[in-house]
Amino acid sequence: MVANNDDFADTYIDIKCKKCLREFVIFLKTEDYNDWIDGKGFIQDLMPYLSASERELLLSGTCGECFDKWIQEYVDKTFG
């Protein structure tokens, strides 16, 4: 379990990577999360205090490490 951003947060989300099944805890502001869910802005604009990996985990359910591996495999396969 990984925990970050607890000094910014008033809530947290438990989330598991769909690829590696590692569990993460993402601390965030409830209002920012609700605004994102309601389509009031882009995740990077509403929650800039989250890392790119944390935002990707919320967006796709894939942790940063798994996302990076997938991208590298795609680039290698596509552009060889």
N, C-alpha and C. Protein backbone atom coordinates (compact mmCIF):
# COMPACT_ATOMS: atom_id res chain seq x y z
N MET A 1 0.84 -1.17 0.00
CA MET A 1 0.00 0.00 0.00
C MET A 1 0.89 1.24 0.00
N VAL A 2 0.55 2.21 -0.83
CA VAL A 2 1.31 3.44 -0.95
C VAL A 2 0.41 4.60 -0.57
N ALA A 3 0.91 5.52 0.24
CA ALA A 3 0.12 6.67 0.66
C ALA A 3 0.93 7.95 0.47
N ASN A 4 0.30 8.94 -0.15
CA ASN A 4 0.94 10.23 -0.41
C ASN A 4 -0.06 11.35 -0.25
N ASN A 5 0.41 12.57 -0.20
CA ASN A 5 -0.43 13.77 -0.23
C ASN A 5 -1.37 13.91 0.95
N ASP A 6 -1.07 13.29 2.07
CA ASP A 6 -1.99 13.33 3.21
C ASP A 6 -2.12 14.72 3.81
N ASP A 7 -1.16 15.62 3.54
CA ASP A 7 -1.27 16.97 4.08
C ASP A 7 -2.21 17.86 3.24
N PHE A 8 -2.61 17.44 2.06
CA PHE A 8 -3.54 18.18 1.21
C PHE A 8 -4.98 17.68 1.36
N ALA A 9 -5.16 16.52 1.89
CA ALA A 9 -6.40 15.78 1.74
C ALA A 9 -7.40 15.98 2.86
N ASP A 10 -8.66 15.74 2.50
CA ASP A 10 -9.69 15.58 3.51
C ASP A 10 -10.38 14.22 3.35
N THR A 11 -9.93 13.44 2.35
CA THR A 11 -10.45 12.09 2.16
C THR A 11 -9.41 11.27 1.39
N TYR A 12 -9.72 10.01 1.18
CA TYR A 12 -8.81 9.15 0.42
C TYR A 12 -9.62 8.12 -0.36
N ILE A 13 -8.96 7.54 -1.35
CA ILE A 13 -9.56 6.49 -2.17
C ILE A 13 -8.61 5.30 -2.14
N ASP A 14 -9.14 4.13 -1.84
CA ASP A 14 -8.39 2.89 -1.97
C ASP A 14 -8.58 2.40 -3.40
N ILE A 15 -7.49 2.08 -4.06
CA ILE A 15 -7.59 1.65 -5.45
C ILE A 15 -6.53 0.60 -5.73
N LYS A 16 -6.87 -0.36 -6.58
CA LYS A 16 -5.96 -1.44 -6.92
C LYS A 16 -5.64 -1.35 -8.42
N CYS A 17 -4.37 -1.49 -8.75
CA CYS A 17 -3.96 -1.50 -10.15
C CYS A 17 -4.55 -2.73 -10.83
N LYS A 18 -5.14 -2.52 -11.99
CA LYS A 18 -5.75 -3.62 -12.75
C LYS A 18 -4.72 -4.59 -13.31
N LYS A 19 -3.48 -4.14 -13.46
CA LYS A 19 -2.44 -4.98 -14.05
C LYS A 19 -1.68 -5.80 -13.01
N CYS A 20 -1.08 -5.11 -12.02
CA CYS A 20 -0.22 -5.79 -11.05
C CYS A 20 -0.94 -6.12 -9.75
N LEU A 21 -2.13 -5.57 -9.56
CA LEU A 21 -2.97 -5.80 -8.38
C LEU A 21 -2.41 -5.20 -7.09
N ARG A 22 -1.40 -4.32 -7.22
CA ARG A 22 -0.93 -3.60 -6.03
C ARG A 22 -2.01 -2.66 -5.56
N GLU A 23 -2.10 -2.51 -4.25
CA GLU A 23 -3.09 -1.62 -3.66
C GLU A 23 -2.46 -0.27 -3.35
N PHE A 24 -3.22 0.78 -3.62
CA PHE A 24 -2.77 2.15 -3.38
C PHE A 24 -3.83 2.90 -2.59
N VAL A 25 -3.39 3.91 -1.85
CA VAL A 25 -4.28 4.85 -1.20
C VAL A 25 -3.92 6.22 -1.74
N ILE A 26 -4.90 6.90 -2.32
CA ILE A 26 -4.67 8.24 -2.86
C ILE A 26 -5.44 9.23 -2.00
N PHE A 27 -4.71 10.16 -1.41
CA PHE A 27 -5.31 11.20 -0.59
C PHE A 27 -5.63 12.40 -1.47
N LEU A 28 -6.83 12.94 -1.33
CA LEU A 28 -7.24 14.06 -2.15
C LEU A 28 -8.32 14.88 -1.47
N LYS A 29 -8.69 15.97 -2.10
CA LYS A 29 -9.75 16.83 -1.59
C LYS A 29 -11.08 16.37 -2.18
N THR A 30 -12.08 16.17 -1.33
CA THR A 30 -13.38 15.68 -1.77
C THR A 30 -13.98 16.57 -2.85
N GLU A 31 -13.91 17.89 -2.66
CA GLU A 31 -14.50 18.82 -3.63
C GLU A 31 -13.84 18.67 -5.00
N ASP A 32 -12.52 18.52 -5.02
CA ASP A 32 -11.81 18.35 -6.29
C ASP A 32 -12.23 17.06 -6.99
N TYR A 33 -12.33 15.99 -6.22
CA TYR A 33 -12.72 14.70 -6.79
C TYR A 33 -14.14 14.77 -7.35
N ASN A 34 -15.06 15.34 -6.58
CA ASN A 34 -16.44 15.45 -7.04
C ASN A 34 -16.55 16.32 -8.29
N ASP A 35 -15.78 17.40 -8.34
CA ASP A 35 -15.78 18.25 -9.53
C ASP A 35 -15.29 17.47 -10.74
N TRP A 36 -14.26 16.66 -10.57
CA TRP A 36 -13.74 15.84 -11.67
C TRP A 36 -14.79 14.83 -12.13
N ILE A 37 -15.40 14.13 -11.19
CA ILE A 37 -16.43 13.14 -11.51
C ILE A 37 -17.60 13.81 -12.24
N ASP A 38 -17.92 15.03 -11.85
CA ASP A 38 -19.03 15.77 -12.46
C ASP A 38 -18.65 16.42 -13.79
N GLY A 39 -17.40 16.23 -14.23
CA GLY A 39 -16.97 16.76 -15.52
C GLY A 39 -16.70 18.25 -15.53
N LYS A 40 -16.37 18.80 -14.38
CA LYS A 40 -16.15 20.26 -14.29
C LYS A 40 -14.73 20.69 -14.65
N GLY A 41 -13.90 19.76 -15.03
CA GLY A 41 -12.54 20.11 -15.41
C GLY A 41 -11.70 18.87 -15.62
N PHE A 42 -10.49 19.11 -16.10
CA PHE A 42 -9.54 18.03 -16.30
C PHE A 42 -8.88 17.67 -14.97
N ILE A 43 -8.56 16.41 -14.81
CA ILE A 43 -8.01 15.93 -13.55
C ILE A 43 -6.72 16.66 -13.18
N GLN A 44 -5.87 16.96 -14.18
CA GLN A 44 -4.60 17.63 -13.89
C GLN A 44 -4.81 19.07 -13.43
N ASP A 45 -5.92 19.68 -13.85
CA ASP A 45 -6.23 21.04 -13.41
C ASP A 45 -6.91 21.06 -12.04
N LEU A 46 -7.76 20.08 -11.79
CA LEU A 46 -8.49 20.03 -10.52
C LEU A 46 -7.66 19.45 -9.37
N MET A 47 -6.72 18.58 -9.70
CA MET A 47 -5.90 17.93 -8.67
C MET A 47 -4.42 17.97 -9.03
N PRO A 48 -3.86 19.18 -9.18
CA PRO A 48 -2.44 19.28 -9.55
C PRO A 48 -1.50 18.78 -8.47
N TYR A 49 -1.98 18.63 -7.26
CA TYR A 49 -1.17 18.14 -6.14
C TYR A 49 -0.96 16.63 -6.20
N LEU A 50 -1.70 15.93 -7.08
CA LEU A 50 -1.46 14.50 -7.29
C LEU A 50 -0.37 14.33 -8.33
N SER A 51 0.39 13.27 -8.19
CA SER A 51 1.41 12.97 -9.21
C SER A 51 0.72 12.47 -10.48
N ALA A 52 1.45 12.49 -11.58
CA ALA A 52 0.91 11.97 -12.84
C ALA A 52 0.51 10.50 -12.67
N SER A 53 1.29 9.74 -11.90
CA SER A 53 0.98 8.33 -11.67
C SER A 53 -0.32 8.16 -10.88
N GLU A 54 -0.53 9.02 -9.89
CA GLU A 54 -1.77 8.94 -9.11
C GLU A 54 -2.98 9.29 -9.97
N ARG A 55 -2.82 10.31 -10.80
CA ARG A 55 -3.93 10.69 -11.69
C ARG A 55 -4.23 9.58 -12.68
N GLU A 56 -3.19 8.94 -13.23
CA GLU A 56 -3.39 7.84 -14.17
C GLU A 56 -4.11 6.68 -13.50
N LEU A 57 -3.76 6.41 -12.26
CA LEU A 57 -4.43 5.35 -11.52
C LEU A 57 -5.92 5.63 -11.39
N LEU A 58 -6.28 6.88 -11.11
CA LEU A 58 -7.69 7.25 -11.04
C LEU A 58 -8.36 7.16 -12.41
N LEU A 59 -7.66 7.58 -13.45
CA LEU A 59 -8.23 7.59 -14.80
C LEU A 59 -8.42 6.20 -15.39
N SER A 60 -7.39 5.38 -15.31
CA SER A 60 -7.40 4.11 -16.03
C SER A 60 -7.35 2.88 -15.15
N GLY A 61 -7.05 3.07 -13.87
CA GLY A 61 -6.90 1.92 -12.99
C GLY A 61 -5.55 1.24 -13.14
N THR A 62 -4.61 1.93 -13.78
CA THR A 62 -3.28 1.39 -14.01
C THR A 62 -2.25 2.23 -13.26
N CYS A 63 -1.41 1.59 -12.47
CA CYS A 63 -0.38 2.34 -11.72
C CYS A 63 0.69 2.84 -12.68
N GLY A 64 1.47 3.79 -12.22
CA GLY A 64 2.50 4.40 -13.04
C GLY A 64 3.52 3.41 -13.58
N GLU A 65 3.93 2.48 -12.75
CA GLU A 65 4.92 1.49 -13.18
C GLU A 65 4.37 0.61 -14.30
N CYS A 66 3.14 0.14 -14.15
CA CYS A 66 2.52 -0.70 -15.18
C CYS A 66 2.25 0.10 -16.45
N PHE A 67 1.83 1.35 -16.29
CA PHE A 67 1.59 2.21 -17.44
C PHE A 67 2.88 2.41 -18.23
N ASP A 68 3.98 2.70 -17.53
CA ASP A 68 5.27 2.90 -18.20
C ASP A 68 5.70 1.64 -18.95
N LYS A 69 5.51 0.46 -18.35
CA LYS A 69 5.86 -0.80 -19.02
C LYS A 69 5.02 -0.98 -20.28
N TRP A 70 3.72 -0.71 -20.17
CA TRP A 70 2.82 -0.86 -21.31
C TRP A 70 3.22 0.07 -22.45
N ILE A 71 3.52 1.33 -22.12
CA ILE A 71 3.93 2.30 -23.14
C ILE A 71 5.21 1.85 -23.83
N GLN A 72 6.18 1.37 -23.04
CA GLN A 72 7.45 0.93 -23.63
C GLN A 72 7.23 -0.27 -24.55
N GLU A 73 6.38 -1.21 -24.13
CA GLU A 73 6.07 -2.37 -24.98
C GLU A 73 5.40 -1.92 -26.27
N TYR A 74 4.49 -0.96 -26.17
CA TYR A 74 3.79 -0.44 -27.34
C TYR A 74 4.78 0.23 -28.30
N VAL A 75 5.66 1.07 -27.77
CA VAL A 75 6.64 1.76 -28.60
C VAL A 75 7.56 0.76 -29.27
N ASP A 76 8.06 -0.22 -28.52
CA ASP A 76 8.95 -1.22 -29.07
C ASP A 76 8.26 -2.02 -30.17
N LYS A 77 7.02 -2.39 -29.94
CA LYS A 77 6.28 -3.21 -30.90
C LYS A 77 5.91 -2.38 -32.15
N THR A 78 5.52 -1.14 -31.95
CA THR A 78 5.05 -0.31 -33.04
C THR A 78 6.18 0.28 -33.86
N PHE A 79 7.22 0.73 -33.18
CA PHE A 79 8.29 1.44 -33.89
C PHE A 79 9.61 0.66 -33.93
N GLY A 80 9.60 -0.49 -33.27
CA GLY A 80 10.68 -1.44 -33.22
C GLY A 80 12.03 -0.94 -33.21
